[in-house]
N, C-alpha and C. Protein backbone atom coordinates (compact mmCIF):
# COMPACT_ATOMS: atom_id res chain seq x y z
N UNK A 1 30.66 42.46 -137.83
CA UNK A 1 30.99 41.81 -139.09
C UNK A 1 31.04 40.31 -138.82
N UNK A 2 30.37 39.50 -139.62
CA UNK A 2 30.42 38.06 -139.41
C UNK A 2 31.83 37.53 -139.57
N UNK A 3 32.10 36.48 -138.81
CA UNK A 3 33.44 35.90 -138.82
C UNK A 3 33.87 35.50 -140.23
N UNK A 4 32.95 34.98 -141.03
CA UNK A 4 33.31 34.51 -142.37
C UNK A 4 33.67 35.64 -143.32
N UNK A 5 33.31 36.90 -142.96
CA UNK A 5 33.62 38.04 -143.82
C UNK A 5 34.90 38.76 -143.43
N UNK A 6 35.51 38.36 -142.32
CA UNK A 6 36.73 39.03 -141.88
C UNK A 6 37.90 38.61 -142.75
N UNK A 7 38.80 39.54 -142.94
CA UNK A 7 40.02 39.23 -143.67
C UNK A 7 41.06 38.73 -142.68
N UNK A 8 41.80 37.75 -143.08
CA UNK A 8 42.88 37.24 -142.25
C UNK A 8 44.19 37.73 -142.84
N UNK A 9 45.13 38.06 -141.99
CA UNK A 9 46.42 38.56 -142.47
C UNK A 9 47.29 37.46 -143.03
N UNK A 10 46.94 36.20 -142.76
CA UNK A 10 47.75 35.10 -143.26
C UNK A 10 48.93 34.80 -142.36
N UNK A 11 49.06 35.48 -141.24
CA UNK A 11 50.16 35.23 -140.32
C UNK A 11 49.80 34.09 -139.40
N UNK A 12 50.81 33.50 -138.81
CA UNK A 12 50.58 32.44 -137.85
C UNK A 12 50.05 31.19 -138.52
N UNK A 13 49.18 30.50 -137.82
CA UNK A 13 48.62 29.26 -138.34
C UNK A 13 47.31 29.47 -139.08
N UNK A 14 46.84 30.71 -139.18
CA UNK A 14 45.56 30.96 -139.84
C UNK A 14 45.80 31.27 -141.32
N UNK A 15 45.18 30.49 -142.20
CA UNK A 15 45.34 30.77 -143.62
C UNK A 15 44.58 32.01 -144.01
N UNK A 16 45.02 32.65 -145.08
CA UNK A 16 44.30 33.83 -145.55
C UNK A 16 43.13 33.36 -146.40
N UNK A 17 42.01 34.07 -146.29
CA UNK A 17 40.82 33.76 -147.08
C UNK A 17 40.37 35.04 -147.76
N UNK A 18 39.70 34.90 -148.87
CA UNK A 18 39.15 36.06 -149.56
C UNK A 18 37.91 36.54 -148.83
N UNK A 19 37.68 37.83 -148.89
CA UNK A 19 36.47 38.40 -148.27
C UNK A 19 35.24 37.74 -148.88
N UNK A 20 34.32 37.33 -148.03
CA UNK A 20 33.11 36.68 -148.50
C UNK A 20 33.28 35.20 -148.77
N UNK A 21 34.46 34.66 -148.53
CA UNK A 21 34.72 33.23 -148.74
C UNK A 21 34.23 32.48 -147.50
N UNK A 22 32.94 32.22 -147.45
CA UNK A 22 32.32 31.62 -146.28
C UNK A 22 32.73 30.16 -146.12
N UNK A 23 32.90 29.76 -144.89
CA UNK A 23 33.17 28.36 -144.60
C UNK A 23 31.86 27.58 -144.67
N UNK A 24 31.95 26.39 -145.22
CA UNK A 24 30.78 25.52 -145.31
C UNK A 24 31.11 24.20 -144.63
N UNK A 25 30.13 23.55 -144.06
CA UNK A 25 30.38 22.27 -143.41
C UNK A 25 30.85 21.23 -144.42
N UNK A 26 31.81 20.42 -144.02
CA UNK A 26 32.31 19.31 -144.83
C UNK A 26 32.24 18.05 -143.99
N UNK A 27 32.22 16.94 -144.64
CA UNK A 27 32.15 15.66 -143.92
C UNK A 27 33.50 14.96 -144.01
N UNK A 28 33.96 14.46 -142.88
CA UNK A 28 35.21 13.71 -142.83
C UNK A 28 35.02 12.59 -141.81
N UNK A 29 35.55 11.44 -142.09
CA UNK A 29 35.34 10.28 -141.22
C UNK A 29 36.60 9.98 -140.41
N UNK A 30 36.39 9.71 -139.14
CA UNK A 30 37.46 9.30 -138.23
C UNK A 30 36.98 8.07 -137.46
N UNK A 31 37.89 7.16 -137.18
CA UNK A 31 37.59 6.08 -136.24
C UNK A 31 37.48 6.71 -134.86
N UNK A 32 36.75 6.07 -133.97
CA UNK A 32 36.59 6.62 -132.62
C UNK A 32 37.94 6.85 -131.95
N UNK A 33 38.86 5.91 -132.12
CA UNK A 33 40.19 6.06 -131.50
C UNK A 33 40.96 7.24 -132.11
N UNK A 34 40.81 7.46 -133.42
CA UNK A 34 41.47 8.60 -134.07
C UNK A 34 40.89 9.92 -133.57
N UNK A 35 39.56 9.99 -133.49
CA UNK A 35 38.92 11.22 -133.05
C UNK A 35 39.29 11.55 -131.61
N UNK A 36 39.44 10.51 -130.81
CA UNK A 36 39.85 10.72 -129.41
C UNK A 36 41.22 11.39 -129.36
N UNK A 37 42.14 10.95 -130.21
CA UNK A 37 43.46 11.58 -130.28
C UNK A 37 43.36 13.03 -130.72
N UNK A 38 42.48 13.29 -131.70
CA UNK A 38 42.28 14.67 -132.18
C UNK A 38 41.73 15.53 -131.04
N UNK A 39 40.74 15.01 -130.33
CA UNK A 39 40.15 15.77 -129.23
C UNK A 39 41.16 16.05 -128.12
N UNK A 40 41.99 15.06 -127.82
CA UNK A 40 43.02 15.27 -126.79
C UNK A 40 44.03 16.34 -127.22
N UNK A 41 44.44 16.30 -128.48
CA UNK A 41 45.38 17.31 -128.98
C UNK A 41 44.74 18.69 -128.96
N UNK A 42 43.47 18.77 -129.36
CA UNK A 42 42.76 20.05 -129.37
C UNK A 42 42.65 20.60 -127.94
N UNK A 43 42.37 19.73 -127.00
CA UNK A 43 42.27 20.15 -125.60
C UNK A 43 43.60 20.71 -125.12
N UNK A 44 44.70 20.04 -125.48
CA UNK A 44 46.03 20.53 -125.08
C UNK A 44 46.30 21.91 -125.64
N UNK A 45 45.78 22.19 -126.84
CA UNK A 45 46.01 23.48 -127.49
C UNK A 45 44.91 24.50 -127.19
N UNK A 46 43.87 24.06 -126.48
CA UNK A 46 42.81 24.97 -126.10
C UNK A 46 41.93 25.43 -127.25
N UNK A 47 41.74 24.56 -128.24
CA UNK A 47 40.89 24.91 -129.39
C UNK A 47 39.92 23.76 -129.65
N UNK A 48 38.83 24.01 -130.34
CA UNK A 48 37.90 22.93 -130.69
C UNK A 48 38.57 21.93 -131.64
N UNK A 49 38.11 20.69 -131.57
CA UNK A 49 38.69 19.63 -132.40
C UNK A 49 38.57 19.95 -133.89
N UNK A 50 37.45 20.49 -134.31
CA UNK A 50 37.27 20.85 -135.73
C UNK A 50 38.27 21.89 -136.19
N UNK A 51 38.57 22.86 -135.31
CA UNK A 51 39.56 23.90 -135.65
C UNK A 51 40.95 23.28 -135.78
N UNK A 52 41.26 22.32 -134.92
CA UNK A 52 42.56 21.64 -135.00
C UNK A 52 42.68 20.91 -136.34
N UNK A 53 41.64 20.18 -136.72
CA UNK A 53 41.66 19.44 -137.98
C UNK A 53 41.79 20.41 -139.15
N UNK A 54 41.02 21.49 -139.14
CA UNK A 54 41.07 22.48 -140.22
C UNK A 54 42.47 23.09 -140.32
N UNK A 55 43.01 23.52 -139.18
CA UNK A 55 44.32 24.16 -139.18
C UNK A 55 45.40 23.20 -139.67
N UNK A 56 45.33 21.96 -139.23
CA UNK A 56 46.33 20.98 -139.67
C UNK A 56 46.23 20.67 -141.15
N UNK A 57 45.01 20.49 -141.63
CA UNK A 57 44.82 20.18 -143.05
C UNK A 57 45.27 21.34 -143.93
N UNK A 58 44.92 22.56 -143.54
CA UNK A 58 45.32 23.72 -144.34
C UNK A 58 46.82 23.97 -144.28
N UNK A 59 47.42 23.75 -143.11
CA UNK A 59 48.87 23.92 -143.00
C UNK A 59 49.59 22.94 -143.92
N UNK A 60 49.11 21.70 -143.97
CA UNK A 60 49.71 20.71 -144.86
C UNK A 60 49.48 21.09 -146.32
N UNK A 61 48.27 21.52 -146.65
CA UNK A 61 47.95 21.89 -148.03
C UNK A 61 48.74 23.10 -148.50
N UNK A 62 49.05 24.01 -147.60
CA UNK A 62 49.77 25.23 -147.96
C UNK A 62 51.26 25.14 -147.66
N UNK A 63 51.75 23.95 -147.37
CA UNK A 63 53.17 23.72 -147.08
C UNK A 63 53.67 24.64 -145.96
N UNK A 64 52.86 24.81 -144.93
CA UNK A 64 53.25 25.65 -143.81
C UNK A 64 53.66 24.85 -142.59
N UNK A 65 53.71 23.52 -142.70
CA UNK A 65 54.06 22.71 -141.53
C UNK A 65 55.51 22.89 -141.16
N UNK A 66 56.37 22.99 -142.15
CA UNK A 66 57.79 23.21 -141.88
C UNK A 66 58.45 21.98 -141.28
N UNK A 67 59.73 22.06 -141.22
CA UNK A 67 60.52 20.98 -140.65
C UNK A 67 60.54 21.11 -139.14
N UNK A 68 60.74 19.99 -138.45
CA UNK A 68 60.83 20.08 -137.00
C UNK A 68 62.04 20.90 -136.61
N UNK A 69 62.00 21.53 -135.45
CA UNK A 69 63.15 22.33 -135.04
C UNK A 69 64.38 21.44 -134.87
N UNK A 70 65.54 21.98 -135.16
CA UNK A 70 66.75 21.16 -135.03
C UNK A 70 66.98 20.79 -133.56
N UNK A 71 67.52 19.61 -133.38
CA UNK A 71 67.83 19.17 -132.02
C UNK A 71 68.99 20.01 -131.49
N UNK A 72 68.92 20.34 -130.24
CA UNK A 72 70.00 21.10 -129.64
C UNK A 72 70.77 20.19 -128.70
N UNK A 73 72.05 20.39 -128.66
CA UNK A 73 72.92 19.59 -127.80
C UNK A 73 73.40 20.45 -126.64
N UNK A 74 73.50 19.81 -125.51
CA UNK A 74 73.99 20.52 -124.33
C UNK A 74 75.49 20.77 -124.50
N UNK A 75 76.04 21.72 -123.76
CA UNK A 75 77.49 21.94 -123.81
C UNK A 75 78.28 20.68 -123.48
N UNK A 76 77.76 19.88 -122.57
CA UNK A 76 78.44 18.62 -122.23
C UNK A 76 78.50 17.66 -123.39
N UNK A 77 77.39 17.56 -124.14
CA UNK A 77 77.38 16.69 -125.32
C UNK A 77 78.33 17.20 -126.39
N UNK A 78 78.34 18.52 -126.59
CA UNK A 78 79.26 19.09 -127.58
C UNK A 78 80.71 18.81 -127.21
N UNK A 79 81.04 18.94 -125.92
CA UNK A 79 82.40 18.67 -125.46
C UNK A 79 82.75 17.19 -125.68
N UNK A 80 81.80 16.30 -125.40
CA UNK A 80 82.03 14.87 -125.61
C UNK A 80 82.27 14.56 -127.09
N UNK A 81 81.48 15.18 -127.96
CA UNK A 81 81.67 14.97 -129.40
C UNK A 81 83.05 15.45 -129.83
N UNK A 82 83.48 16.60 -129.33
CA UNK A 82 84.79 17.11 -129.71
C UNK A 82 85.91 16.18 -129.23
N UNK A 83 85.80 15.68 -128.01
CA UNK A 83 86.82 14.76 -127.48
C UNK A 83 86.87 13.48 -128.31
N UNK A 84 85.69 12.96 -128.64
CA UNK A 84 85.64 11.73 -129.44
C UNK A 84 86.22 11.97 -130.83
N UNK A 85 85.91 13.12 -131.42
CA UNK A 85 86.46 13.45 -132.73
C UNK A 85 87.98 13.48 -132.67
N UNK A 86 88.54 14.14 -131.67
CA UNK A 86 90.00 14.22 -131.55
C UNK A 86 90.62 12.83 -131.36
N UNK A 87 89.97 12.01 -130.56
CA UNK A 87 90.48 10.66 -130.32
C UNK A 87 90.48 9.85 -131.62
N UNK A 88 89.37 9.89 -132.33
CA UNK A 88 89.27 9.14 -133.59
C UNK A 88 90.30 9.67 -134.59
N UNK A 89 90.49 10.99 -134.64
CA UNK A 89 91.45 11.57 -135.55
C UNK A 89 92.86 11.06 -135.25
N UNK A 90 93.23 11.03 -133.97
CA UNK A 90 94.57 10.55 -133.58
C UNK A 90 94.74 9.08 -133.95
N UNK A 91 93.75 8.26 -133.62
CA UNK A 91 93.84 6.83 -133.94
C UNK A 91 93.92 6.63 -135.45
N UNK A 92 93.10 7.35 -136.19
CA UNK A 92 93.12 7.22 -137.65
C UNK A 92 94.46 7.63 -138.22
N UNK A 93 95.03 8.71 -137.69
CA UNK A 93 96.33 9.19 -138.17
C UNK A 93 97.41 8.15 -137.88
N UNK A 94 97.38 7.59 -136.69
CA UNK A 94 98.39 6.60 -136.32
C UNK A 94 98.27 5.32 -137.14
N UNK A 95 97.06 4.91 -137.44
CA UNK A 95 96.86 3.64 -138.15
C UNK A 95 96.85 3.78 -139.67
N UNK A 96 96.77 5.00 -140.18
CA UNK A 96 96.71 5.19 -141.62
C UNK A 96 97.89 4.56 -142.34
N UNK A 97 99.08 4.84 -141.86
CA UNK A 97 100.27 4.29 -142.52
C UNK A 97 100.30 2.78 -142.45
N UNK A 98 99.87 2.23 -141.31
CA UNK A 98 99.83 0.75 -141.21
C UNK A 98 98.86 0.17 -142.23
N UNK A 99 97.73 0.81 -142.41
CA UNK A 99 96.76 0.33 -143.40
C UNK A 99 97.31 0.47 -144.82
N UNK A 100 97.99 1.58 -145.10
CA UNK A 100 98.59 1.75 -146.42
C UNK A 100 99.67 0.70 -146.67
N UNK A 101 100.51 0.44 -145.67
CA UNK A 101 101.56 -0.57 -145.79
C UNK A 101 100.98 -1.96 -146.01
N UNK A 102 99.78 -2.20 -145.49
CA UNK A 102 99.13 -3.51 -145.63
C UNK A 102 98.35 -3.62 -146.94
N UNK A 103 98.47 -2.61 -147.81
CA UNK A 103 97.80 -2.67 -149.10
C UNK A 103 96.31 -2.35 -149.02
N UNK A 104 95.90 -1.62 -148.01
CA UNK A 104 94.49 -1.29 -147.83
C UNK A 104 94.21 0.19 -148.12
N UNK A 105 94.99 0.76 -149.02
CA UNK A 105 94.84 2.17 -149.37
C UNK A 105 93.47 2.52 -149.91
N UNK A 106 92.90 1.60 -150.71
CA UNK A 106 91.56 1.86 -151.25
C UNK A 106 90.52 1.98 -150.14
N UNK A 107 90.66 1.16 -149.11
CA UNK A 107 89.72 1.22 -147.98
C UNK A 107 89.89 2.54 -147.22
N UNK A 108 91.13 2.97 -147.04
CA UNK A 108 91.39 4.24 -146.35
C UNK A 108 90.77 5.38 -147.12
N UNK A 109 90.98 5.42 -148.44
CA UNK A 109 90.42 6.49 -149.26
C UNK A 109 88.89 6.45 -149.26
N UNK A 110 88.30 5.25 -149.29
CA UNK A 110 86.84 5.14 -149.26
C UNK A 110 86.29 5.68 -147.94
N UNK A 111 86.97 5.40 -146.83
CA UNK A 111 86.53 5.92 -145.53
C UNK A 111 86.64 7.44 -145.47
N UNK A 112 87.73 7.98 -146.01
CA UNK A 112 87.92 9.43 -146.01
C UNK A 112 86.85 10.09 -146.88
N UNK A 113 86.57 9.52 -148.06
CA UNK A 113 85.54 10.07 -148.93
C UNK A 113 84.16 10.02 -148.27
N UNK A 114 83.86 8.89 -147.59
CA UNK A 114 82.56 8.77 -146.91
C UNK A 114 82.45 9.79 -145.78
N UNK A 115 83.53 10.01 -145.06
CA UNK A 115 83.52 10.99 -143.97
C UNK A 115 83.29 12.40 -144.52
N UNK A 116 83.97 12.73 -145.62
CA UNK A 116 83.78 14.06 -146.23
C UNK A 116 82.35 14.25 -146.71
N UNK A 117 81.80 13.22 -147.35
CA UNK A 117 80.43 13.30 -147.87
C UNK A 117 79.44 13.49 -146.71
N UNK A 118 79.62 12.73 -145.65
CA UNK A 118 78.73 12.83 -144.50
C UNK A 118 78.83 14.21 -143.87
N UNK A 119 80.03 14.74 -143.76
CA UNK A 119 80.21 16.07 -143.18
C UNK A 119 79.50 17.11 -144.04
N UNK A 120 79.63 17.02 -145.36
CA UNK A 120 78.97 17.97 -146.24
C UNK A 120 77.46 17.89 -146.11
N UNK A 121 76.93 16.67 -146.03
CA UNK A 121 75.49 16.48 -145.97
C UNK A 121 74.90 16.96 -144.64
N UNK A 122 75.61 16.72 -143.55
CA UNK A 122 75.04 17.02 -142.25
C UNK A 122 75.35 18.42 -141.76
N UNK A 123 76.44 19.00 -142.22
CA UNK A 123 76.85 20.29 -141.71
C UNK A 123 76.98 21.36 -142.79
N UNK A 124 76.81 20.95 -144.03
CA UNK A 124 76.96 21.93 -145.11
C UNK A 124 78.37 22.43 -145.22
N UNK A 125 79.33 21.62 -144.80
CA UNK A 125 80.73 22.04 -144.82
C UNK A 125 81.56 20.89 -145.40
N UNK A 126 82.82 21.12 -145.44
CA UNK A 126 83.74 20.06 -145.85
C UNK A 126 84.35 20.33 -147.20
N UNK A 127 85.41 19.61 -147.48
CA UNK A 127 86.10 19.79 -148.76
C UNK A 127 85.24 19.34 -149.91
N UNK A 128 85.46 19.93 -151.04
CA UNK A 128 84.72 19.55 -152.25
C UNK A 128 85.21 18.24 -152.78
């Protein structure tokens, strides 16, 4: 069976095509420096440069690129973040009353609101 007549399951990076939906040559222009980058990337992935361009263009067109994987933190980094959080919390608690006594209550509330908003945005948590 010719390659153009095979059905694709649509899994992975291969888009699904209708039976008999033959591929036809298309023209696309690249600067020499751009094509060199494409060829290097294709070589790293072990596929022809044209296949890399096709797969990338179709993935973008079909919204299959997805978001980059989330960054992972080492246990050491997580421990450091927790220690810093506790330290900042203690300092903020100790200085809160001094700031309120100095008439800076609006600034304290603005900082607390900004912290809550940031926590909600970055972690999907926090008070409403």
